[in-house]
Protein backbone atom coordinates (compact mmCIF):
# COMPACT_ATOMS: atom_id res chain seq x y z
CA MET A 1 -36.98 -0.94 -36.96
CA ARG A 2 -39.07 -2.59 -34.65
CA PHE A 3 -37.07 -5.51 -34.42
CA CYS A 4 -34.04 -3.43 -33.78
CA LEU A 5 -35.18 -1.63 -31.31
CA LEU A 6 -36.11 -5.37 -29.39
CA SER A 7 -32.93 -6.62 -30.49
CA LEU A 8 -31.30 -3.72 -28.60
CA LEU A 9 -33.55 -3.97 -25.31
CA CYS A 10 -32.28 -7.41 -25.58
CA LEU A 11 -28.96 -6.80 -25.86
CA ALA A 12 -29.29 -4.62 -22.88
CA ALA A 13 -31.02 -6.91 -20.84
CA THR A 14 -28.47 -9.75 -20.98
CA GLY A 15 -25.43 -6.97 -20.31
CA LEU A 16 -23.85 -7.04 -23.46
CA PHE A 17 -23.87 -3.40 -23.27
CA ALA A 18 -21.78 -3.43 -20.10
CA PHE A 19 -18.63 -2.07 -19.94
CA ASP A 20 -15.66 -3.16 -22.25
CA GLN A 21 -13.41 -5.34 -20.04
CA THR A 22 -10.52 -4.49 -22.28
CA GLN A 23 -11.06 -0.92 -21.80
CA LEU A 24 -10.80 -1.69 -18.14
CA ASP A 25 -7.67 -3.76 -18.58
CA ALA A 26 -6.32 -0.98 -20.31
CA GLY A 27 -7.20 1.78 -17.44
CA LYS A 28 -5.41 -1.03 -15.09
CA GLN A 29 -2.24 -1.32 -16.86
CA LEU A 30 -1.68 2.78 -17.34
CA PHE A 31 -2.66 2.40 -13.41
CA GLN A 32 0.63 -0.05 -12.84
CA ASN A 33 2.67 1.89 -15.06
CA ARG A 34 1.76 5.15 -12.93
CA GLN A 35 0.33 6.85 -15.79
CA LEU A 36 -2.32 8.40 -13.30
CA VAL A 37 -3.91 11.19 -15.15
CA GLU A 38 -4.49 8.61 -18.32
CA ALA A 39 -5.81 5.69 -16.23
CA LYS A 40 -8.25 8.68 -14.26
CA ALA A 41 -9.54 9.23 -17.79
CA VAL A 42 -10.11 5.54 -18.82
CA PHE A 43 -12.21 4.92 -15.61
CA GLU A 44 -14.30 7.88 -15.57
CA LYS A 45 -15.14 6.96 -19.44
CA LEU A 46 -16.16 3.78 -18.23
CA ALA A 47 -18.25 5.21 -15.15
CA VAL A 48 -20.02 7.54 -17.25
CA ALA A 49 -21.86 3.97 -18.70
CA GLU A 50 -22.06 2.56 -15.29
CA PRO A 51 -21.71 4.91 -12.30
CA ASN A 52 -22.53 2.11 -9.74
CA ASN A 53 -20.06 -0.41 -11.27
CA ALA A 54 -18.24 -1.62 -8.14
CA GLU A 55 -15.09 -2.34 -9.73
CA ILE A 56 -14.47 0.54 -11.60
CA ASN A 57 -15.59 2.90 -8.30
CA TYR A 58 -12.46 0.70 -7.15
CA TRP A 59 -9.90 1.63 -9.58
CA LEU A 60 -11.45 5.36 -9.40
CA GLY A 61 -10.40 4.89 -5.80
CA LEU A 62 -7.31 3.65 -6.01
CA THR A 63 -6.25 6.71 -8.60
CA ALA A 64 -7.75 8.87 -6.29
CA LEU A 65 -5.92 7.60 -3.48
CA SER A 66 -2.55 7.36 -5.55
CA THR A 67 -2.96 11.64 -5.71
CA ASN A 68 -3.71 11.93 -2.08
CA ASP A 69 -7.13 12.71 -3.23
CA SER A 70 -8.85 11.32 0.05
CA GLU A 71 -12.57 12.83 -0.30
CA ASN A 72 -12.55 11.51 -4.06
CA ALA A 73 -11.24 8.21 -2.77
CA VAL A 74 -13.69 7.57 0.05
CA ASN A 75 -16.55 8.32 -2.15
CA TYR A 76 -15.56 5.75 -4.72
CA PHE A 77 -14.18 3.26 -2.25
CA GLU A 78 -18.00 3.91 -0.47
CA LYS A 79 -19.44 3.11 -3.63
CA ALA A 80 -17.41 -0.12 -4.35
CA ALA A 81 -18.07 -1.58 -1.00
CA ALA A 82 -21.98 -0.97 -1.22
CA GLY A 83 -21.95 -2.60 -4.92
CA ASP A 84 -20.07 -5.65 -3.87
CA PRO A 85 -19.99 -6.29 -0.10
CA SER A 86 -18.09 -9.48 -0.34
CA GLN A 87 -14.70 -8.12 -1.63
CA ALA A 88 -12.14 -7.69 1.20
CA ARG A 89 -10.14 -5.33 -0.84
CA TYR A 90 -12.42 -2.72 -0.87
CA PHE A 91 -12.97 -2.52 2.16
CA HIS A 92 -9.28 -2.29 2.87
CA GLU A 93 -8.71 0.18 0.46
CA LEU A 94 -11.59 2.22 2.12
CA GLY A 95 -10.05 2.05 5.25
CA ASP A 96 -6.67 3.48 3.77
CA ALA A 97 -8.77 6.07 1.99
CA TYR A 98 -10.64 7.14 5.33
CA GLY A 99 -6.99 7.12 7.24
CA LEU A 100 -5.66 9.70 4.88
CA SER A 101 -8.84 11.68 5.30
CA ALA A 102 -8.34 11.56 9.53
CA GLN A 103 -4.73 13.00 8.55
CA LYS A 104 -5.96 15.87 6.86
CA ALA A 105 -9.57 16.64 9.26
CA SER A 106 -9.88 19.03 12.04
CA LEU A 107 -9.60 17.20 15.33
CA PHE A 108 -13.15 16.31 15.96
CA SER A 109 -13.53 14.75 12.22
CA LYS A 110 -10.45 13.15 13.05
CA LEU A 111 -11.83 10.95 15.32
CA GLY A 112 -14.73 9.74 13.61
CA PHE A 113 -12.50 9.16 10.12
CA ALA A 114 -10.11 6.74 12.62
CA LYS A 115 -13.03 5.03 13.57
CA LYS A 116 -14.46 4.36 10.08
CA CYS A 117 -10.81 3.61 9.30
CA LEU A 118 -11.00 0.73 11.93
CA ALA A 119 -14.32 -0.40 10.93
CA ALA A 120 -13.23 -0.75 7.55
CA TYR A 121 -10.28 -2.51 7.74
CA ASN A 122 -11.71 -5.08 10.61
CA LYS A 123 -14.36 -5.69 7.62
CA ALA A 124 -11.68 -6.48 5.24
CA VAL A 125 -10.11 -8.80 7.99
CA ALA A 126 -13.12 -10.63 8.71
CA LEU A 127 -13.96 -11.24 4.96
CA ASP A 128 -10.26 -12.31 4.55
CA PRO A 129 -8.81 -13.45 7.54
CA GLU A 130 -5.53 -15.06 6.34
CA ASN A 131 -4.27 -11.59 4.10
CA VAL A 132 -1.26 -10.65 6.00
CA GLU A 133 -1.50 -7.07 4.30
CA TYR A 134 -5.10 -6.52 5.87
CA ARG A 135 -3.84 -7.12 9.30
CA LYS A 136 -0.77 -5.11 8.80
CA SER A 137 -2.58 -2.09 8.11
CA ARG A 138 -4.74 -3.15 10.95
CA TYR A 139 -1.83 -3.58 13.46
CA GLU A 140 -0.48 0.01 12.26
CA PHE A 141 -3.72 1.37 13.34
CA TYR A 142 -4.03 -0.40 16.63
CA ARG A 143 -0.23 0.82 17.44
CA ALA A 144 -0.63 4.37 15.98
CA ALA A 145 -4.52 5.19 17.38
CA PRO A 146 -5.40 6.25 20.98
CA SER A 147 -7.44 3.62 22.65
CA MET A 148 -10.37 6.27 22.33
CA VAL A 149 -10.72 5.09 18.85
CA GLY A 150 -9.72 2.00 18.99
CA GLY A 151 -6.21 1.50 18.91
CA GLY A 152 -3.69 0.06 21.89
CA MET A 153 -0.48 -1.55 22.06
CA ASP A 154 -2.45 -4.67 23.71
CA LYS A 155 -4.18 -5.13 20.27
CA ALA A 156 -1.40 -4.32 18.15
CA MET A 157 0.48 -6.90 19.59
CA THR A 158 -2.25 -9.77 19.56
CA GLU A 159 -2.35 -8.88 15.59
CA MET A 160 1.54 -9.10 15.53
CA ALA A 161 1.15 -12.67 16.70
CA GLU A 162 -1.59 -13.16 14.32
CA ILE A 163 0.26 -12.21 11.43
CA GLU A 164 3.33 -14.32 12.46
CA LYS A 165 1.54 -17.06 12.45
CA ARG A 166 0.49 -16.62 8.37
CA ASP A 167 4.11 -15.07 7.64
CA PRO A 168 6.86 -15.56 10.26
CA ILE A 169 9.20 -13.46 7.54
CA GLN A 170 6.81 -10.01 7.91
CA GLY A 171 5.92 -10.92 11.54
CA ALA A 172 10.20 -10.74 12.21
CA GLY A 173 9.97 -7.07 10.30
CA LEU A 174 7.20 -5.75 12.62
CA ARG A 175 8.92 -6.96 15.58
CA ALA A 176 12.21 -5.54 14.66
CA ASP A 177 10.80 -2.02 13.94
CA LEU A 178 8.86 -2.18 17.36
CA LYS A 179 12.07 -2.81 18.55
CA LEU A 180 14.01 -0.28 16.89
CA LYS A 181 11.02 2.40 17.95
CA GLU A 182 11.72 1.26 21.91
CA GLY A 183 15.22 2.21 21.24
CA LYS A 184 16.83 -1.35 21.08
CA THR A 185 18.86 -1.22 18.05
CA GLU A 186 21.00 -4.13 18.51
CA GLU A 187 17.18 -6.66 19.54
CA ALA A 188 16.18 -5.49 16.15
CA PHE A 189 19.24 -6.73 14.19
CA ALA A 190 19.36 -9.73 16.03
CA ILE A 191 16.02 -10.72 15.30
CA LEU A 192 16.43 -10.04 11.71
CA THR A 193 19.90 -11.49 11.62
CA ALA A 194 17.75 -14.78 12.97
CA LEU A 195 15.05 -14.08 10.29
CA ARG A 196 17.96 -14.50 7.57
CA GLN A 197 19.86 -17.87 9.35
CA LYS A 198 16.33 -19.57 9.14
CA PHE A 199 15.03 -18.11 5.34
CA PRO A 200 18.61 -17.73 3.63
CA ASP A 201 16.87 -17.90 0.51
CA SER A 202 14.39 -15.11 1.62
CA LYS A 203 14.44 -11.98 -0.55
CA VAL A 204 12.23 -10.52 1.76
CA ALA A 205 14.20 -11.39 4.56
CA CYS A 206 16.94 -9.16 3.26
CA TYR A 207 14.71 -6.06 2.28
CA GLN A 208 13.77 -6.35 5.71
CA LEU A 209 17.58 -5.91 6.59
CA GLY A 210 17.99 -2.92 4.03
CA ARG A 211 15.30 -1.61 5.49
CA LEU A 212 16.01 -1.55 8.80
CA VAL A 213 20.05 -0.48 8.28
CA ALA A 214 18.33 2.59 6.16
CA MET A 215 16.67 3.78 9.14
CA THR A 216 19.67 3.36 11.75
CA GLY A 217 22.85 3.99 9.44
CA ASP A 218 24.71 0.84 11.18
CA LYS A 219 25.93 -1.95 9.19
CA LEU A 220 25.77 -0.02 6.04
CA ASP A 221 27.77 -2.24 3.37
CA GLU A 222 25.55 -4.87 4.64
CA GLY A 223 22.42 -3.06 4.00
CA GLU A 224 23.74 -2.07 0.75
CA ALA A 225 24.03 -5.52 -0.31
CA ALA A 226 21.06 -6.80 1.20
CA LEU A 227 18.87 -4.48 -0.94
CA ARG A 228 20.73 -4.82 -4.02
CA ASP A 229 20.08 -8.76 -3.94
CA TYR A 230 16.25 -7.30 -3.00
CA LEU A 231 16.01 -5.56 -6.34
CA SER A 232 17.25 -8.57 -8.52
CA TYR A 233 14.03 -10.40 -7.60
CA THR A 234 10.62 -10.02 -9.04
CA PRO A 235 8.11 -9.44 -6.07
CA LYS A 236 4.92 -10.76 -5.32
CA PRO A 237 1.95 -8.44 -4.92
CA SER A 238 2.26 -8.86 -1.26
CA ASP A 239 6.33 -8.24 -1.28
CA PRO A 240 7.62 -4.43 -0.81
CA PRO A 241 7.84 -2.85 -4.29
CA LEU A 242 11.01 -2.39 -5.83
CA TRP A 243 10.48 1.63 -5.50
CA ALA A 244 10.77 1.24 -1.67
CA ALA A 245 13.46 -0.97 -2.38
CA HIS A 246 15.32 1.90 -4.36
CA TRP A 247 14.29 4.64 -1.96
CA ARG A 248 16.26 2.67 1.10
CA LEU A 249 19.43 2.09 -0.70
CA ALA A 250 19.38 5.58 -1.88
CA MET A 251 19.04 6.50 1.51
CA ILE A 252 22.19 4.27 2.47
CA PHE A 253 24.27 5.96 -0.11
CA GLU A 254 23.25 9.07 1.16
CA LYS A 255 24.69 8.18 5.16
CA LYS A 256 27.62 7.03 3.04
CA GLY A 257 27.97 10.13 1.61
CA VAL A 258 27.97 8.62 -1.79
CA ASN A 259 25.24 11.36 -3.07
CA ALA A 260 25.61 10.43 -7.04
CA GLU A 261 24.47 6.52 -6.10
CA ALA A 262 22.01 8.25 -3.68
CA ARG A 263 20.69 10.63 -6.35
CA THR A 264 20.36 7.72 -9.19
CA HIS A 265 17.94 5.57 -6.44
CA TYR A 266 15.84 8.44 -5.24
CA GLU A 267 15.23 9.07 -9.25
CA GLU A 268 14.44 5.26 -9.79
CA THR A 269 12.45 5.43 -6.98
CA LEU A 270 10.18 8.13 -8.26
CA LYS A 271 9.95 6.44 -11.66
CA LEU A 272 8.36 3.65 -9.90
CA ASN A 273 6.24 5.59 -7.87
CA PRO A 274 5.97 9.30 -8.87
CA SER A 275 3.88 10.43 -6.11
CA PHE A 276 6.28 9.48 -3.54
CA GLU A 277 7.14 13.07 -2.41
CA ARG A 278 10.09 12.37 0.03
CA ALA A 279 12.14 10.66 -2.51
CA ARG A 280 11.47 14.07 -4.41
CA GLU A 281 12.09 16.14 -1.27
CA ALA A 282 15.62 13.91 -0.83
CA LEU A 283 16.50 14.92 -4.50
CA LYS A 284 16.17 18.61 -3.76
CA ARG A 285 18.39 18.06 -0.66
CA LEU A 286 21.24 16.92 -2.50
CA GLN A 287 21.10 19.64 -5.06
CA ARG A 288 21.67 22.64 -2.52
């Protein structure tokens, strides 16, 4: 009995009683398949054994964020970042969670969450300055937030230039989007037309054009062709997800008045991203 007890203590000390990596991988797969309830159950079970494990808290945070549970998302990501402050992705998602909290908060609390959001994005970029997704999040913050919490178009334009250095395709998409918001639709199309000429094999450039068409309602046939081309592609993790392409294509078909095709692509959007309420709302609109 004494030998067994000592053996168990030694196993615990060497970490062999740590969480089952196979179970963590299973939870990740459930999450990727958008089986969020099942994924949450797996991660919560793992967290019982290791409540301070940074990676488990990170995945619990992602699950909470995917269901717009900002309070729990903040809690889990703060634990993840405290547990391993070297991981840029923990701080990036923490920034997203603070941003979601700011959207739901009262005016006074909104300012505090906004400042925390920027601080988390800054930390993520400092840890991984070449990551375009982290810089895009900071760009969007700068563009949308008032100066009192660290926003401003001057900062946004500086960030956009940094993004363009690292990824000219995504940078062009941001620049075209900015032109559109300024009401300069033709300039926005000119940017993306030039982009496709420069990168004729880029599927992401196809998506950028299709997205612009969906937003403006101009050049619908060209946008449809571009998004169909993108849907034949397997995106990289940093590329726009397929659900977003289905959503934009559905918007184009709705603008064309081809409601059956629009419904099909809104449904595909929800299969790939069940929590995307804008597609659900669009389906209800088409059923009236």
